[in-house]
C-alpha atoms as a PDB file:
ATOM      1  CA  MET A   1      70.952  -3.188  15.182  1.00  0.00           C
ATOM      2  CA  THR A   2      70.486  -2.167  18.812  1.00  0.00           C
ATOM      3  CA  VAL A   3      68.260   0.739  17.789  1.00  0.00           C
ATOM      4  CA  LEU A   4      66.127  -1.631  15.700  1.00  0.00           C
ATOM      5  CA  ALA A   5      65.838  -4.065  18.621  1.00  0.00           C
ATOM      6  CA  ILE A   6      64.781  -1.299  21.009  1.00  0.00           C
ATOM      7  CA  PHE A   7      62.314   0.007  18.433  1.00  0.00           C
ATOM      8  CA  LEU A   8      60.808  -3.458  17.980  1.00  0.00           C
ATOM      9  CA  LEU A   9      60.626  -3.907  21.746  1.00  0.00           C
ATOM     10  CA  ILE A  10      58.761  -0.617  22.167  1.00  0.00           C
ATOM     11  CA  ILE A  11      56.370  -1.358  19.281  1.00  0.00           C
ATOM     12  CA  GLY A  12      55.756  -4.878  20.599  1.00  0.00           C
ATOM     13  CA  THR A  13      55.033  -3.565  24.081  1.00  0.00           C
ATOM     14  CA  LEU A  14      52.610  -1.002  22.698  1.00  0.00           C
ATOM     15  CA  LEU A  15      50.840  -3.654  20.632  1.00  0.00           C
ATOM     16  CA  VAL A  16      50.494  -5.915  23.673  1.00  0.00           C
ATOM     17  CA  LEU A  17      49.097  -3.047  25.762  1.00  0.00           C
ATOM     18  CA  ILE A  18      46.657  -2.047  23.018  1.00  0.00           C
ATOM     19  CA  GLY A  19      45.589  -5.681  22.657  1.00  0.00           C
ATOM     20  CA  ALA A  20      45.012  -5.996  26.404  1.00  0.00           C
ATOM     21  CA  LEU A  21      42.995  -2.776  26.390  1.00  0.00           C
ATOM     22  CA  LEU A  22      40.853  -4.047  23.524  1.00  0.00           C
ATOM     23  CA  VAL A  23      40.247  -7.318  25.378  1.00  0.00           C
ATOM     24  CA  LEU A  24      39.141  -5.365  28.458  1.00  0.00           C
ATOM     25  CA  VAL A  25      36.847  -3.139  26.391  1.00  0.00           C
ATOM     26  CA  GLY A  26      35.433  -6.220  24.662  1.00  0.00           C
ATOM     27  CA  THR A  27      34.767  -7.897  27.998  1.00  0.00           C
ATOM     28  CA  PHE A  28      33.060  -4.733  29.251  1.00  0.00           C
ATOM     29  CA  LEU A  29      30.885  -4.571  26.127  1.00  0.00           C
ATOM     30  CA  ILE A  30      29.985  -8.252  26.469  1.00  0.00           C
ATOM     31  CA  THR A  31      28.983  -7.602  30.094  1.00  0.00           C
ATOM     32  CA  ILE A  32      26.774  -4.684  29.038  1.00  0.00           C
ATOM     33  CA  GLY A  33      25.230  -6.826  26.287  1.00  0.00           C
ATOM     34  CA  VAL A  34      24.422  -9.654  28.695  1.00  0.00           C
ATOM     35  CA  ALA A  35      22.907  -7.185  31.162  1.00  0.00           C
ATOM     36  CA  LEU A  36      20.717  -5.691  28.431  1.00  0.00           C
ATOM     37  CA  ILE A  37      19.590  -9.155  27.327  1.00  0.00           C
ATOM     38  CA  LEU A  38      18.658 -10.055  30.909  1.00  0.00           C
ATOM     39  CA  ILE A  39      16.788  -6.778  31.423  1.00  0.00           C
ATOM     40  CA  GLY A  40      14.942  -7.269  28.137  1.00  0.00           C
ATOM     41  CA  ALA A  41      14.001 -10.827  29.077  1.00  0.00           C
ATOM     42  CA  ALA A  42      12.730  -9.632  32.464  1.00  0.00           C
ATOM     43  CA  LEU A  43      10.608  -6.957  30.777  1.00  0.00           C
ATOM     44  CA  ILE A  44       9.188  -9.515  28.334  1.00  0.00           C
ATOM     45  CA  VAL A  45       8.326 -11.846  31.207  1.00  0.00           C
ATOM     46  CA  ALA A  46       6.697  -9.001  33.160  1.00  0.00           C
ATOM     47  CA  GLY A  47       4.690  -7.862  30.133  1.00  0.00           C
ATOM     48  CA  THR A  48       3.567 -11.397  29.340  1.00  0.00           C
ATOM     49  CA  PHE A  49       2.550 -11.962  32.954  1.00  0.00           C
ATOM     50  CA  MET A  50       0.522  -8.736  32.984  1.00  0.00           C
ATOM     51  CA  LEU A  51      -1.163  -9.613  29.680  1.00  0.00           C
ATOM     52  CA  ILE A  52      -2.057 -13.138  30.794  1.00  0.00           C
ATOM     53  CA  ARG A  53      -3.317 -11.877  34.148  1.00  0.00           C
ATOM     54  CA  ARG A  54      -5.473  -9.316  32.358  1.00  0.00           C
ATOM     55  CA  LEU A  55      -6.834 -11.874  29.897  1.00  0.00           C
ATOM     56  CA  LEU A  56      -7.554 -14.518  32.530  1.00  0.00           C
ATOM     57  CA  GLY A  57      -8.653 -12.109  35.234  1.00  0.00           C
ATOM     58  CA  GLY A  58     -12.127 -11.467  33.820  1.00  0.00           C
ATOM     59  CA  ASN A  59     -13.609  -8.006  33.889  1.00  0.00           C
ATOM     60  CA  ARG A  60     -13.034  -6.820  37.430  1.00  0.00           C
ATOM     61  CA  THR A  61     -13.465  -3.109  37.884  1.00  0.00           C
ATOM     62  CA  ARG A  62     -10.589  -1.237  39.446  1.00  0.00           C
ATOM     63  CA  SER A  63     -10.148   2.310  40.568  1.00  0.00           C
ATOM     64  CA  HIS A  64      -7.381   2.746  38.040  1.00  0.00           C
ATOM     65  CA  SER A  65      -6.962   1.121  34.642  1.00  0.00           C
ATOM     66  CA  TRP A  66      -3.397   0.739  33.435  1.00  0.00           C
END
């Protein structure tokens, strides 16, 4: 019985540690996802701003055309 109790204790501890690790990895992945969403939104805003500025800016000649 004591061996079974120790075995269950060890398995339980391992499961808790694995669960905590998975929670940390999940939090890290969520953080990366949020960062990517924010970067994507910033790029969309920048692209939209450049398009609108180009459309509303008329036909001014510049030394470089991007």
